Every structure is written in C-alpha cells, then in structure tokens.
Amino acid sequence: MKHLTIPAMLIGALALSACDRNSRFGDDAATAGAGGIVPGSPSDPASPAYFEQTIGDRVLFAVDQSTLSGEAQDVLAKQASWLMENPEYSAIVEGHADEQGTREYNLALGARRASAVQSYLIDRGVAPNRLRTVSYGKERPLEICSDETCYAQNRRAVTVLTAGAGTS
C-alpha cells in the first residue's frame, strides 16, 4: 500500500498542473489583458518600451546644429503627448555629439541639443519639473567609426524616461 501512495500523489500533482490553462500558452497569455496587451511590453501604450519603440526616444541633428528639424519636431510632438498622457513618468533629455571637435565644444553642443528638446516639450505642455537635461558631448557614442553614417547617429538627443514626476 505504501508503494502506491507516492505514485498516486505524483499522478495527482501532474493532473492538477494540467488544469492550469495559462501555463500551456506561455507567460504572455497569462498576463495579457484585453486585446493581448502585455503590461510593460512594447504593446502596452503606457510602457517605457512602447515609448522607445513606437513613439521614438531620440531625435537627430545636423552637423554643429541644435535646431530641431521637422522630423525631430514630429517625434517630439508624439513624446509630449505621451508624457502628458502618462504623468507618472519624468524624463532626462540627454544631449550627444559626434566625435569631431573638442570635448568642451561637444559638451556645450550636447547641452544646447538637450535644451532645445526640453524647451520643445515644455512648449507642448509638459511640466518643466518633469524634465531634466544632461550633456554627454562625444563621450557616449552609439556608433564608433570615422564615417558620416556613424557621426550622424551620434548627433542626437535621447529622452530617457524615469519613474515618478520630477520635483526640480
């Protein structure tokens, strides 16, 4: 009789685990809400992942410029709308430059780029206390090569979301 108890318990445990429908379909089905939206994923319109991938978290600049292009303004208008709809997030706007020029010049240029983005977002209704800026100049390149295609990717401002509304 003792020999049958352990196998019976194992069979019972397996039978109960088979009743968990969601585990057969993976974690996405278990956590997805209406419409198959997985909280925190790029399919969730209130998530940072959605902001980065669908709205766009960066804008690019021309050589030695901090003026926002039409394309940059389009992205920033979407960022402003998203930030207005998601007041639980603040943002740090990072200004970057390509590796041409001195460190000091590129830090100043990165600061002007970050400031241009910050001003645009504020003009579109984002509260100033939710935005901070930082310049990295040429210190954090995305691409490293001595070619215009690399330089162009490094001349950017990136809006990085942070949890909680700012207080500064």
C-alpha atoms as a PDB file:
ATOM      1  CA  MET A   1       0.000   0.000   0.000  1.00  0.00           C
ATOM      2  CA  LYS A   2       2.879   2.376   0.807  1.00  0.00           C
ATOM      3  CA  HIS A   3       4.310   1.787  -2.648  1.00  0.00           C
ATOM      4  CA  LEU A   4       1.137   3.025  -4.318  1.00  0.00           C
ATOM      5  CA  THR A   5       0.870   6.265  -2.288  1.00  0.00           C
ATOM      6  CA  ILE A   6       3.846   8.049  -3.841  1.00  0.00           C
ATOM      7  CA  PRO A   7       2.917   7.264  -7.476  1.00  0.00           C
ATOM      8  CA  ALA A   8      -0.694   8.247  -6.758  1.00  0.00           C
ATOM      9  CA  MET A   9       0.462  11.580  -5.341  1.00  0.00           C
ATOM     10  CA  LEU A  10       2.657  12.222  -8.389  1.00  0.00           C
ATOM     11  CA  ILE A  11      -0.186  11.432 -10.771  1.00  0.00           C
ATOM     12  CA  GLY A  12      -2.485  13.740  -8.801  1.00  0.00           C
ATOM     13  CA  ALA A  13       0.059  16.579  -8.906  1.00  0.00           C
ATOM     14  CA  LEU A  14       0.503  16.151 -12.657  1.00  0.00           C
ATOM     15  CA  ALA A  15      -3.245  16.126 -13.179  1.00  0.00           C
ATOM     16  CA  LEU A  16      -3.644  19.362 -11.205  1.00  0.00           C
ATOM     17  CA  SER A  17      -0.848  21.095 -13.072  1.00  0.00           C
ATOM     18  CA  ALA A  18      -2.512  20.190 -16.362  1.00  0.00           C
ATOM     19  CA  CYS A  19      -5.570  22.172 -15.238  1.00  0.00           C
ATOM     20  CA  ASP A  20      -3.591  25.434 -15.379  1.00  0.00           C
ATOM     21  CA  ARG A  21      -4.622  26.523 -18.888  1.00  0.00           C
ATOM     22  CA  ASN A  22      -2.436  29.625 -18.996  1.00  0.00           C
ATOM     23  CA  SER A  23       0.832  27.776 -18.498  1.00  0.00           C
ATOM     24  CA  ARG A  24       0.241  25.924 -21.785  1.00  0.00           C
ATOM     25  CA  PHE A  25       0.203  29.201 -23.686  1.00  0.00           C
ATOM     26  CA  GLY A  26       3.223  30.874 -22.075  1.00  0.00           C
ATOM     27  CA  ASP A  27       3.506  33.873 -19.807  1.00  0.00           C
ATOM     28  CA  ASP A  28       2.154  36.299 -22.408  1.00  0.00           C
ATOM     29  CA  ALA A  29      -1.274  34.714 -22.445  1.00  0.00           C
ATOM     30  CA  ALA A  30      -1.350  34.564 -18.658  1.00  0.00           C
ATOM     31  CA  THR A  31      -0.513  38.257 -18.203  1.00  0.00           C
ATOM     32  CA  ALA A  32      -2.070  39.761 -21.323  1.00  0.00           C
ATOM     33  CA  GLY A  33      -5.049  41.971 -20.770  1.00  0.00           C
ATOM     34  CA  ALA A  34      -7.737  42.877 -23.246  1.00  0.00           C
ATOM     35  CA  GLY A  35      -6.506  42.910 -26.805  1.00  0.00           C
ATOM     36  CA  GLY A  36      -3.384  40.859 -26.000  1.00  0.00           C
ATOM     37  CA  ILE A  37      -1.540  43.766 -24.377  1.00  0.00           C
ATOM     38  CA  VAL A  38       1.266  42.584 -22.126  1.00  0.00           C
ATOM     39  CA  PRO A  39       1.888  45.135 -19.343  1.00  0.00           C
ATOM     40  CA  GLY A  40       5.333  46.725 -19.656  1.00  0.00           C
ATOM     41  CA  SER A  41       5.909  45.409 -23.173  1.00  0.00           C
ATOM     42  CA  PRO A  42       6.153  47.362 -26.429  1.00  0.00           C
ATOM     43  CA  SER A  43       2.463  46.507 -26.980  1.00  0.00           C
ATOM     44  CA  ASP A  44       1.494  48.401 -23.791  1.00  0.00           C
ATOM     45  CA  PRO A  45       0.895  52.072 -24.756  1.00  0.00           C
ATOM     46  CA  ALA A  46       1.707  53.198 -21.192  1.00  0.00           C
ATOM     47  CA  SER A  47       5.107  51.465 -21.022  1.00  0.00           C
ATOM     48  CA  PRO A  48       8.615  52.863 -21.487  1.00  0.00           C
ATOM     49  CA  ALA A  49       9.213  50.106 -24.065  1.00  0.00           C
ATOM     50  CA  TYR A  50       6.303  51.436 -26.150  1.00  0.00           C
ATOM     51  CA  PHE A  51       7.692  54.963 -25.785  1.00  0.00           C
ATOM     52  CA  GLU A  52      11.124  53.895 -27.034  1.00  0.00           C
ATOM     53  CA  GLN A  53       9.994  51.691 -29.895  1.00  0.00           C
ATOM     54  CA  THR A  54       6.724  53.205 -31.100  1.00  0.00           C
ATOM     55  CA  ILE A  55       6.869  56.891 -30.155  1.00  0.00           C
ATOM     56  CA  GLY A  56      10.637  57.206 -30.575  1.00  0.00           C
ATOM     57  CA  ASP A  57      13.050  58.155 -27.818  1.00  0.00           C
ATOM     58  CA  ARG A  58      15.581  60.115 -29.903  1.00  0.00           C
ATOM     59  CA  VAL A  59      15.946  62.855 -32.431  1.00  0.00           C
ATOM     60  CA  LEU A  60      18.899  63.547 -34.705  1.00  0.00           C
ATOM     61  CA  PHE A  61      20.643  66.814 -35.521  1.00  0.00           C
ATOM     62  CA  ALA A  62      22.643  68.216 -38.414  1.00  0.00           C
ATOM     63  CA  VAL A  63      26.375  68.899 -38.069  1.00  0.00           C
ATOM     64  CA  ASP A  64      27.115  71.575 -35.448  1.00  0.00           C
ATOM     65  CA  GLN A  65      23.384  72.289 -35.040  1.00  0.00           C
ATOM     66  CA  SER A  66      20.937  72.313 -32.161  1.00  0.00           C
ATOM     67  CA  THR A  67      17.970  73.371 -34.293  1.00  0.00           C
ATOM     68  CA  LEU A  68      15.114  70.866 -34.411  1.00  0.00           C
ATOM     69  CA  SER A  69      14.291  69.552 -37.878  1.00  0.00           C
ATOM     70  CA  GLY A  70      10.698  68.951 -38.973  1.00  0.00           C
ATOM     71  CA  GLU A  71      11.188  65.228 -38.443  1.00  0.00           C
ATOM     72  CA  ALA A  72      12.538  65.846 -34.925  1.00  0.00           C
ATOM     73  CA  GLN A  73       9.562  68.071 -34.142  1.00  0.00           C
ATOM     74  CA  ASP A  74       7.182  65.312 -35.247  1.00  0.00           C
ATOM     75  CA  VAL A  75       8.833  62.826 -32.876  1.00  0.00           C
ATOM     76  CA  LEU A  76       8.893  65.349 -30.041  1.00  0.00           C
ATOM     77  CA  ALA A  77       5.211  66.193 -30.524  1.00  0.00           C
ATOM     78  CA  LYS A  78       4.447  62.494 -30.007  1.00  0.00           C
ATOM     79  CA  GLN A  79       6.755  62.405 -26.982  1.00  0.00           C
ATOM     80  CA  ALA A  80       4.965  65.401 -25.466  1.00  0.00           C
ATOM     81  CA  SER A  81       1.562  63.782 -25.991  1.00  0.00           C
ATOM     82  CA  TRP A  82       2.771  60.529 -24.448  1.00  0.00           C
ATOM     83  CA  LEU A  83       4.256  62.335 -21.454  1.00  0.00           C
ATOM     84  CA  MET A  84       1.022  64.277 -20.952  1.00  0.00           C
ATOM     85  CA  GLU A  85      -0.971  61.023 -21.011  1.00  0.00           C
ATOM     86  CA  ASN A  86       1.469  59.305 -18.624  1.00  0.00           C
ATOM     87  CA  PRO A  87       2.120  61.777 -15.780  1.00  0.00           C
ATOM     88  CA  GLU A  88       3.757  59.098 -13.637  1.00  0.00           C
ATOM     89  CA  TYR A  89       6.909  59.445 -15.752  1.00  0.00           C
ATOM     90  CA  SER A  90       9.537  62.151 -15.844  1.00  0.00           C
ATOM     91  CA  ALA A  91      12.377  62.341 -18.337  1.00  0.00           C
ATOM     92  CA  ILE A  92      16.041  63.125 -18.616  1.00  0.00           C
ATOM     93  CA  VAL A  93      16.965  64.556 -22.006  1.00  0.00           C
ATOM     94  CA  GLU A  94      20.494  63.512 -22.947  1.00  0.00           C
ATOM     95  CA  GLY A  95      22.391  65.667 -25.427  1.00  0.00           C
ATOM     96  CA  HIS A  96      25.053  63.969 -27.553  1.00  0.00           C
ATOM     97  CA  ALA A  97      27.511  64.986 -30.255  1.00  0.00           C
ATOM     98  CA  ASP A  98      29.707  63.176 -32.752  1.00  0.00           C
ATOM     99  CA  GLU A  99      33.397  62.681 -32.004  1.00  0.00           C
ATOM    100  CA  GLN A 100      34.583  65.544 -34.200  1.00  0.00           C
ATOM    101  CA  GLY A 101      35.744  68.617 -32.304  1.00  0.00           C
ATOM    102  CA  THR A 102      36.971  69.189 -28.781  1.00  0.00           C
ATOM    103  CA  ARG A 103      35.473  67.721 -25.655  1.00  0.00           C
ATOM    104  CA  GLU A 104      34.421  71.152 -24.403  1.00  0.00           C
ATOM    105  CA  TYR A 105      32.775  72.161 -27.674  1.00  0.00           C
ATOM    106  CA  ASN A 106      30.834  68.899 -27.861  1.00  0.00           C
ATOM    107  CA  LEU A 107      29.671  69.136 -24.230  1.00  0.00           C
ATOM    108  CA  ALA A 108      28.295  72.611 -24.970  1.00  0.00           C
ATOM    109  CA  LEU A 109      26.688  71.410 -28.212  1.00  0.00           C
ATOM    110  CA  GLY A 110      25.114  68.433 -26.428  1.00  0.00           C
ATOM    111  CA  ALA A 111      23.745  70.815 -23.782  1.00  0.00           C
ATOM    112  CA  ARG A 112      22.192  73.038 -26.481  1.00  0.00           C
ATOM    113  CA  ARG A 113      20.597  69.994 -28.136  1.00  0.00           C
ATOM    114  CA  ALA A 114      19.153  68.722 -24.853  1.00  0.00           C
ATOM    115  CA  SER A 115      17.902  72.206 -24.051  1.00  0.00           C
ATOM    116  CA  ALA A 116      16.203  72.510 -27.460  1.00  0.00           C
ATOM    117  CA  VAL A 117      14.339  69.252 -26.847  1.00  0.00           C
ATOM    118  CA  GLN A 118      13.413  70.262 -23.295  1.00  0.00           C
ATOM    119  CA  SER A 119      12.089  73.637 -24.491  1.00  0.00           C
ATOM    120  CA  TYR A 120      10.022  71.986 -27.217  1.00  0.00           C
ATOM    121  CA  LEU A 121       8.453  69.539 -24.760  1.00  0.00           C
ATOM    122  CA  ILE A 122       7.684  72.337 -22.282  1.00  0.00           C
ATOM    123  CA  ASP A 123       6.140  74.424 -25.078  1.00  0.00           C
ATOM    124  CA  ARG A 124       3.867  71.438 -25.814  1.00  0.00           C
ATOM    125  CA  GLY A 125       2.614  71.314 -22.225  1.00  0.00           C
ATOM    126  CA  VAL A 126       4.996  69.021 -20.345  1.00  0.00           C
ATOM    127  CA  ALA A 127       5.620  70.451 -16.868  1.00  0.00           C
ATOM    128  CA  PRO A 128       9.183  71.766 -16.503  1.00  0.00           C
ATOM    129  CA  ASN A 129       9.628  69.928 -13.192  1.00  0.00           C
ATOM    130  CA  ARG A 130       9.278  66.629 -15.071  1.00  0.00           C
ATOM    131  CA  LEU A 131      12.264  67.289 -17.355  1.00  0.00           C
ATOM    132  CA  ARG A 132      16.000  67.453 -16.711  1.00  0.00           C
ATOM    133  CA  THR A 133      18.871  67.722 -19.153  1.00  0.00           C
ATOM    134  CA  VAL A 134      22.368  66.321 -19.258  1.00  0.00           C
ATOM    135  CA  SER A 135      25.071  66.595 -21.894  1.00  0.00           C
ATOM    136  CA  TYR A 136      27.446  63.763 -22.682  1.00  0.00           C
ATOM    137  CA  GLY A 137      29.060  65.517 -25.624  1.00  0.00           C
ATOM    138  CA  LYS A 138      31.060  62.935 -27.541  1.00  0.00           C
ATOM    139  CA  GLU A 139      31.562  60.659 -24.518  1.00  0.00           C
ATOM    140  CA  ARG A 140      28.784  58.117 -25.280  1.00  0.00           C
ATOM    141  CA  PRO A 141      28.742  57.379 -28.998  1.00  0.00           C
ATOM    142  CA  LEU A 142      26.262  54.862 -30.398  1.00  0.00           C
ATOM    143  CA  GLU A 143      28.495  54.164 -33.364  1.00  0.00           C
ATOM    144  CA  ILE A 144      32.275  54.289 -33.489  1.00  0.00           C
ATOM    145  CA  CYS A 145      33.885  54.868 -36.860  1.00  0.00           C
ATOM    146  CA  SER A 146      35.286  57.766 -38.834  1.00  0.00           C
ATOM    147  CA  ASP A 147      32.418  57.881 -41.266  1.00  0.00           C
ATOM    148  CA  GLU A 148      29.424  60.198 -41.730  1.00  0.00           C
ATOM    149  CA  THR A 149      26.938  57.360 -41.148  1.00  0.00           C
ATOM    150  CA  CYS A 150      28.375  56.899 -37.653  1.00  0.00           C
ATOM    151  CA  TYR A 151      28.652  60.607 -36.970  1.00  0.00           C
ATOM    152  CA  ALA A 152      25.007  61.130 -37.944  1.00  0.00           C
ATOM    153  CA  GLN A 153      23.787  58.546 -35.392  1.00  0.00           C
ATOM    154  CA  ASN A 154      25.820  60.187 -32.639  1.00  0.00           C
ATOM    155  CA  ARG A 155      24.402  63.697 -33.212  1.00  0.00           C
ATOM    156  CA  ARG A 156      21.294  63.144 -31.127  1.00  0.00           C
ATOM    157  CA  ALA A 157      19.168  63.906 -28.116  1.00  0.00           C
ATOM    158  CA  VAL A 158      17.632  60.963 -26.262  1.00  0.00           C
ATOM    159  CA  THR A 159      14.618  61.212 -23.967  1.00  0.00           C
ATOM    160  CA  VAL A 160      15.118  58.712 -21.134  1.00  0.00           C
ATOM    161  CA  LEU A 161      12.056  58.005 -19.000  1.00  0.00           C
ATOM    162  CA  THR A 162      12.278  57.848 -15.229  1.00  0.00           C
ATOM    163  CA  ALA A 163       9.604  56.711 -12.782  1.00  0.00           C
ATOM    164  CA  GLY A 164       7.909  59.419 -10.770  1.00  0.00           C
ATOM    165  CA  ALA A 165       7.273  63.051 -11.521  1.00  0.00           C
ATOM    166  CA  GLY A 166      10.244  65.341 -11.022  1.00  0.00           C
ATOM    167  CA  THR A 167      10.500  67.881  -8.234  1.00  0.00           C
ATOM    168  CA  SER A 168      13.200  70.218  -9.527  1.00  0.00           C
END
